[in-house]
Amino acid sequence: MTRADYEDFEGAYENTDTLWIHLCTSGGGRLLRNSRTQKLDGLFVPGRVGLGAPYDGGEGFGPRMSLLALGISERRLKRLAAELPGGDWTSRPWLRPTTTMPC
């Protein structure tokens, strides 16, 4: 977990393999992120929580703001999931979570 202060930015941003949970604590405003895998255009203001999934780099802009952020790397997330009971999805694909409920 980290606390980070960001200045206004515009331009390219790098890719990441980290899942981020952000809480805006001050500042904020319109935030735009645009890449092959991510399309985000909205307001990020104090009290708002945002989820940042791993993504390819892209372009965009953002406001000056302060955030509390919790990051979990994709590698670590996979290791944690594998440690759960039934977490070895590679040998038991029927345990893999789905986004739809079976009928």
N, C-alpha and C. Protein backbone atom coordinates (compact mmCIF):
# COMPACT_ATOMS: atom_id res chain seq x y z
N MET A 1 0.85 -1.16 0.00
CA MET A 1 0.00 0.00 0.00
C MET A 1 0.90 1.23 0.00
N THR A 2 0.47 2.23 -0.72
CA THR A 2 1.26 3.45 -0.82
C THR A 2 0.36 4.67 -0.90
N ARG A 3 0.91 5.79 -0.55
CA ARG A 3 0.25 7.08 -0.75
C ARG A 3 1.05 7.79 -1.82
N ALA A 4 0.36 8.29 -2.82
CA ALA A 4 1.06 8.92 -3.94
C ALA A 4 0.40 10.24 -4.31
N ASP A 5 1.24 11.22 -4.63
CA ASP A 5 0.78 12.52 -5.12
C ASP A 5 1.14 12.61 -6.59
N TYR A 6 0.16 12.94 -7.42
CA TYR A 6 0.37 13.05 -8.86
C TYR A 6 0.15 14.48 -9.31
N GLU A 7 1.01 14.95 -10.18
CA GLU A 7 0.81 16.24 -10.86
C GLU A 7 -0.07 15.99 -12.07
N ASP A 8 -0.62 17.06 -12.65
CA ASP A 8 -1.34 16.93 -13.91
C ASP A 8 -0.43 16.20 -14.90
N PHE A 9 -1.01 15.34 -15.71
CA PHE A 9 -0.20 14.67 -16.72
C PHE A 9 -0.98 14.58 -18.02
N GLU A 10 -0.23 14.48 -19.10
CA GLU A 10 -0.81 14.26 -20.41
C GLU A 10 0.23 13.58 -21.27
N GLY A 11 -0.18 12.54 -22.00
CA GLY A 11 0.75 11.85 -22.87
C GLY A 11 0.70 10.34 -22.67
N ALA A 12 1.82 9.71 -22.97
CA ALA A 12 1.90 8.25 -22.92
C ALA A 12 2.10 7.75 -21.49
N TYR A 13 1.57 6.56 -21.22
CA TYR A 13 1.83 5.88 -19.96
C TYR A 13 2.23 4.44 -20.26
N GLU A 14 2.99 3.85 -19.33
CA GLU A 14 3.56 2.52 -19.53
C GLU A 14 2.57 1.43 -19.15
N ASN A 15 2.87 0.20 -19.58
CA ASN A 15 2.04 -0.93 -19.21
C ASN A 15 2.35 -1.37 -17.78
N THR A 16 1.46 -2.18 -17.22
CA THR A 16 1.64 -2.70 -15.87
C THR A 16 1.01 -4.08 -15.76
N ASP A 17 1.59 -4.92 -14.93
CA ASP A 17 1.00 -6.23 -14.67
C ASP A 17 0.42 -6.26 -13.25
N THR A 18 0.07 -5.08 -12.74
CA THR A 18 -0.41 -4.96 -11.37
C THR A 18 -1.88 -4.59 -11.34
N LEU A 19 -2.62 -5.24 -10.46
CA LEU A 19 -4.00 -4.87 -10.17
C LEU A 19 -3.94 -3.80 -9.09
N TRP A 20 -4.54 -2.63 -9.35
CA TRP A 20 -4.50 -1.51 -8.40
C TRP A 20 -5.89 -1.18 -7.89
N ILE A 21 -5.98 -0.89 -6.60
CA ILE A 21 -7.19 -0.34 -6.01
C ILE A 21 -6.79 1.03 -5.49
N HIS A 22 -7.44 2.08 -6.02
CA HIS A 22 -7.09 3.47 -5.70
C HIS A 22 -8.22 4.14 -4.93
N LEU A 23 -7.86 4.98 -3.98
CA LEU A 23 -8.81 5.85 -3.30
C LEU A 23 -8.29 7.27 -3.46
N CYS A 24 -9.06 8.13 -4.12
CA CYS A 24 -8.68 9.53 -4.28
C CYS A 24 -8.92 10.24 -2.96
N THR A 25 -7.87 10.90 -2.43
CA THR A 25 -7.98 11.58 -1.13
C THR A 25 -8.01 13.09 -1.26
N SER A 26 -7.50 13.64 -2.36
CA SER A 26 -7.58 15.08 -2.60
C SER A 26 -7.29 15.37 -4.07
N GLY A 27 -7.69 16.57 -4.48
CA GLY A 27 -7.49 16.97 -5.88
C GLY A 27 -8.51 16.25 -6.74
N GLY A 28 -8.05 15.80 -7.90
CA GLY A 28 -8.91 15.03 -8.78
C GLY A 28 -9.55 15.87 -9.87
N GLY A 29 -10.25 15.18 -10.73
CA GLY A 29 -10.90 15.80 -11.87
C GLY A 29 -11.08 14.77 -12.97
N ARG A 30 -11.14 15.24 -14.21
CA ARG A 30 -11.34 14.33 -15.35
C ARG A 30 -10.08 13.51 -15.60
N LEU A 31 -10.29 12.22 -15.85
CA LEU A 31 -9.21 11.27 -16.10
C LEU A 31 -9.53 10.52 -17.38
N LEU A 32 -8.59 10.48 -18.31
CA LEU A 32 -8.76 9.77 -19.57
C LEU A 32 -7.60 8.81 -19.76
N ARG A 33 -7.92 7.55 -20.01
CA ARG A 33 -6.93 6.53 -20.35
C ARG A 33 -7.42 5.81 -21.59
N ASN A 34 -6.55 5.64 -22.58
CA ASN A 34 -6.94 5.02 -23.83
C ASN A 34 -5.81 4.13 -24.33
N SER A 35 -6.09 2.84 -24.43
CA SER A 35 -5.11 1.90 -24.97
C SER A 35 -5.88 0.80 -25.71
N ARG A 36 -5.15 -0.18 -26.18
CA ARG A 36 -5.75 -1.31 -26.89
C ARG A 36 -6.70 -2.08 -25.97
N THR A 37 -6.41 -2.13 -24.67
CA THR A 37 -7.21 -2.93 -23.73
C THR A 37 -7.95 -2.10 -22.70
N GLN A 38 -7.79 -0.78 -22.71
CA GLN A 38 -8.39 0.05 -21.67
C GLN A 38 -9.00 1.31 -22.28
N LYS A 39 -10.25 1.57 -21.94
CA LYS A 39 -10.94 2.80 -22.34
C LYS A 39 -11.58 3.37 -21.08
N LEU A 40 -11.06 4.49 -20.60
CA LEU A 40 -11.57 5.10 -19.38
C LEU A 40 -11.68 6.60 -19.61
N ASP A 41 -12.85 7.15 -19.33
CA ASP A 41 -13.08 8.59 -19.42
C ASP A 41 -14.09 8.93 -18.34
N GLY A 42 -13.63 9.57 -17.26
CA GLY A 42 -14.55 9.88 -16.18
C GLY A 42 -13.91 10.80 -15.16
N LEU A 43 -14.66 11.05 -14.09
CA LEU A 43 -14.18 11.90 -13.00
C LEU A 43 -13.61 11.05 -11.88
N PHE A 44 -12.45 11.43 -11.39
CA PHE A 44 -11.85 10.77 -10.24
C PHE A 44 -11.66 11.85 -9.18
N VAL A 45 -12.52 11.84 -8.17
CA VAL A 45 -12.58 12.91 -7.17
C VAL A 45 -12.45 12.31 -5.77
N PRO A 46 -12.17 13.14 -4.75
CA PRO A 46 -12.00 12.62 -3.38
C PRO A 46 -13.19 11.75 -2.95
N GLY A 47 -12.83 10.60 -2.36
CA GLY A 47 -13.83 9.65 -1.90
C GLY A 47 -14.16 8.57 -2.92
N ARG A 48 -13.78 8.77 -4.17
CA ARG A 48 -14.06 7.78 -5.21
C ARG A 48 -12.98 6.70 -5.20
N VAL A 49 -13.42 5.46 -5.34
CA VAL A 49 -12.52 4.32 -5.42
C VAL A 49 -12.47 3.86 -6.86
N GLY A 50 -11.27 3.57 -7.34
CA GLY A 50 -11.11 3.09 -8.70
C GLY A 50 -10.34 1.78 -8.71
N LEU A 51 -10.67 0.92 -9.64
CA LEU A 51 -9.98 -0.35 -9.83
C LEU A 51 -9.20 -0.26 -11.12
N GLY A 52 -7.90 -0.47 -11.03
CA GLY A 52 -7.05 -0.44 -12.21
C GLY A 52 -6.54 -1.83 -12.53
N ALA A 53 -7.10 -2.44 -13.55
CA ALA A 53 -6.68 -3.78 -13.96
C ALA A 53 -5.35 -3.70 -14.72
N PRO A 54 -4.60 -4.80 -14.76
CA PRO A 54 -3.38 -4.80 -15.57
C PRO A 54 -3.71 -4.40 -17.00
N TYR A 55 -2.84 -3.62 -17.63
CA TYR A 55 -3.14 -3.11 -18.96
C TYR A 55 -1.87 -2.83 -19.75
N ASP A 56 -2.08 -2.71 -21.06
CA ASP A 56 -1.01 -2.26 -21.96
C ASP A 56 -0.87 -0.76 -21.82
N GLY A 57 0.29 -0.25 -22.18
CA GLY A 57 0.49 1.19 -22.17
C GLY A 57 -0.43 1.88 -23.16
N GLY A 58 -0.57 3.18 -23.01
CA GLY A 58 -1.44 3.93 -23.91
C GLY A 58 -1.20 5.41 -23.74
N GLU A 59 -2.24 6.20 -24.03
CA GLU A 59 -2.15 7.64 -23.89
C GLU A 59 -3.34 8.16 -23.12
N GLY A 60 -3.19 9.34 -22.54
CA GLY A 60 -4.30 9.94 -21.82
C GLY A 60 -3.87 11.17 -21.06
N PHE A 61 -4.72 11.59 -20.13
CA PHE A 61 -4.39 12.72 -19.27
C PHE A 61 -5.09 12.53 -17.93
N GLY A 62 -4.62 13.26 -16.94
CA GLY A 62 -5.21 13.17 -15.62
C GLY A 62 -4.92 14.42 -14.81
N PRO A 63 -5.67 14.61 -13.73
CA PRO A 63 -5.54 15.80 -12.90
C PRO A 63 -4.49 15.64 -11.81
N ARG A 64 -4.17 16.74 -11.18
CA ARG A 64 -3.36 16.69 -9.97
C ARG A 64 -4.23 16.06 -8.88
N MET A 65 -3.69 15.05 -8.18
CA MET A 65 -4.47 14.36 -7.16
C MET A 65 -3.57 13.57 -6.23
N SER A 66 -4.12 13.23 -5.08
CA SER A 66 -3.46 12.35 -4.12
C SER A 66 -4.29 11.08 -3.99
N LEU A 67 -3.59 9.95 -3.94
CA LEU A 67 -4.26 8.66 -3.89
C LEU A 67 -3.66 7.78 -2.80
N LEU A 68 -4.50 6.95 -2.20
CA LEU A 68 -4.03 5.78 -1.46
C LEU A 68 -4.17 4.63 -2.44
N ALA A 69 -3.15 3.81 -2.58
CA ALA A 69 -3.19 2.76 -3.59
C ALA A 69 -2.67 1.44 -3.03
N LEU A 70 -3.38 0.38 -3.35
CA LEU A 70 -2.97 -0.97 -3.01
C LEU A 70 -2.75 -1.70 -4.32
N GLY A 71 -1.55 -2.24 -4.51
CA GLY A 71 -1.22 -2.93 -5.75
C GLY A 71 -0.88 -4.38 -5.51
N ILE A 72 -1.38 -5.27 -6.37
CA ILE A 72 -1.08 -6.70 -6.31
C ILE A 72 -0.64 -7.12 -7.70
N SER A 73 0.58 -7.65 -7.79
CA SER A 73 1.09 -8.06 -9.10
C SER A 73 0.32 -9.28 -9.60
N GLU A 74 0.21 -9.39 -10.91
CA GLU A 74 -0.49 -10.52 -11.51
C GLU A 74 0.14 -11.84 -11.09
N ARG A 75 1.47 -11.89 -11.03
CA ARG A 75 2.16 -13.11 -10.59
C ARG A 75 1.77 -13.48 -9.17
N ARG A 76 1.76 -12.48 -8.28
CA ARG A 76 1.40 -12.72 -6.88
C ARG A 76 -0.06 -13.13 -6.75
N LEU A 77 -0.93 -12.51 -7.52
CA LEU A 77 -2.35 -12.85 -7.49
C LEU A 77 -2.56 -14.31 -7.91
N LYS A 78 -1.85 -14.75 -8.94
CA LYS A 78 -1.96 -16.15 -9.39
C LYS A 78 -1.44 -17.10 -8.32
N ARG A 79 -0.32 -16.74 -7.65
CA ARG A 79 0.21 -17.59 -6.57
C ARG A 79 -0.77 -17.67 -5.41
N LEU A 80 -1.37 -16.55 -5.03
CA LEU A 80 -2.34 -16.55 -3.94
C LEU A 80 -3.55 -17.40 -4.29
N ALA A 81 -4.04 -17.28 -5.52
CA ALA A 81 -5.20 -18.07 -5.94
C ALA A 81 -4.88 -19.56 -5.93
N ALA A 82 -3.67 -19.92 -6.30
CA ALA A 82 -3.28 -21.32 -6.32
C ALA A 82 -3.19 -21.90 -4.91
N GLU A 83 -2.96 -21.06 -3.91
CA GLU A 83 -2.87 -21.53 -2.52
C GLU A 83 -4.23 -21.77 -1.89
N LEU A 84 -5.29 -21.26 -2.50
CA LEU A 84 -6.64 -21.45 -1.97
C LEU A 84 -7.08 -22.89 -2.18
N PRO A 85 -7.95 -23.41 -1.31
CA PRO A 85 -8.49 -24.76 -1.56
C PRO A 85 -9.16 -24.78 -2.92
N GLY A 86 -8.77 -25.72 -3.74
CA GLY A 86 -9.31 -25.79 -5.10
C GLY A 86 -8.73 -24.75 -6.02
N GLY A 87 -7.64 -24.09 -5.61
CA GLY A 87 -7.07 -23.01 -6.39
C GLY A 87 -6.23 -23.44 -7.57
N ASP A 88 -5.92 -24.73 -7.68
CA ASP A 88 -5.12 -25.20 -8.81
C ASP A 88 -6.03 -25.41 -10.01
N TRP A 89 -6.36 -24.31 -10.69
CA TRP A 89 -7.31 -24.34 -11.80
C TRP A 89 -6.74 -25.04 -13.02
N THR A 90 -5.41 -25.13 -13.12
CA THR A 90 -4.85 -25.75 -14.32
C THR A 90 -5.13 -27.24 -14.35
N SER A 91 -5.16 -27.91 -13.18
CA SER A 91 -5.42 -29.34 -13.17
C SER A 91 -6.91 -29.65 -13.00
N ARG A 92 -7.71 -28.64 -12.59
CA ARG A 92 -9.15 -28.84 -12.41
C ARG A 92 -9.90 -27.65 -13.03
N PRO A 93 -9.98 -27.60 -14.36
CA PRO A 93 -10.58 -26.43 -15.02
C PRO A 93 -12.03 -26.20 -14.63
N TRP A 94 -12.76 -27.22 -14.16
CA TRP A 94 -14.14 -27.02 -13.76
C TRP A 94 -14.27 -26.15 -12.52
N LEU A 95 -13.15 -25.90 -11.80
CA LEU A 95 -13.16 -25.02 -10.64
C LEU A 95 -12.89 -23.57 -11.00
N ARG A 96 -12.53 -23.32 -12.25
CA ARG A 96 -12.21 -21.97 -12.68
C ARG A 96 -13.45 -21.08 -12.51
N PRO A 97 -13.31 -19.89 -11.87
CA PRO A 97 -14.47 -19.01 -11.70
C PRO A 97 -15.02 -18.56 -13.04
N THR A 98 -16.32 -18.35 -13.10
CA THR A 98 -16.96 -17.87 -14.31
C THR A 98 -17.72 -16.59 -13.98
N THR A 99 -18.08 -15.86 -15.01
CA THR A 99 -18.84 -14.63 -14.80
C THR A 99 -20.33 -14.88 -14.95
N THR A 100 -20.74 -16.09 -15.34
CA THR A 100 -22.15 -16.40 -15.46
C THR A 100 -22.51 -17.55 -14.54
N MET A 101 -23.73 -17.56 -14.12
CA MET A 101 -24.21 -18.65 -13.26
C MET A 101 -24.70 -19.79 -14.13
N PRO A 102 -24.40 -21.06 -13.76
CA PRO A 102 -24.91 -22.19 -14.54
C PRO A 102 -26.42 -22.29 -14.40
N CYS A 103 -27.08 -22.77 -15.44
CA CYS A 103 -28.55 -22.93 -15.40
C CYS A 103 -28.92 -24.22 -14.72
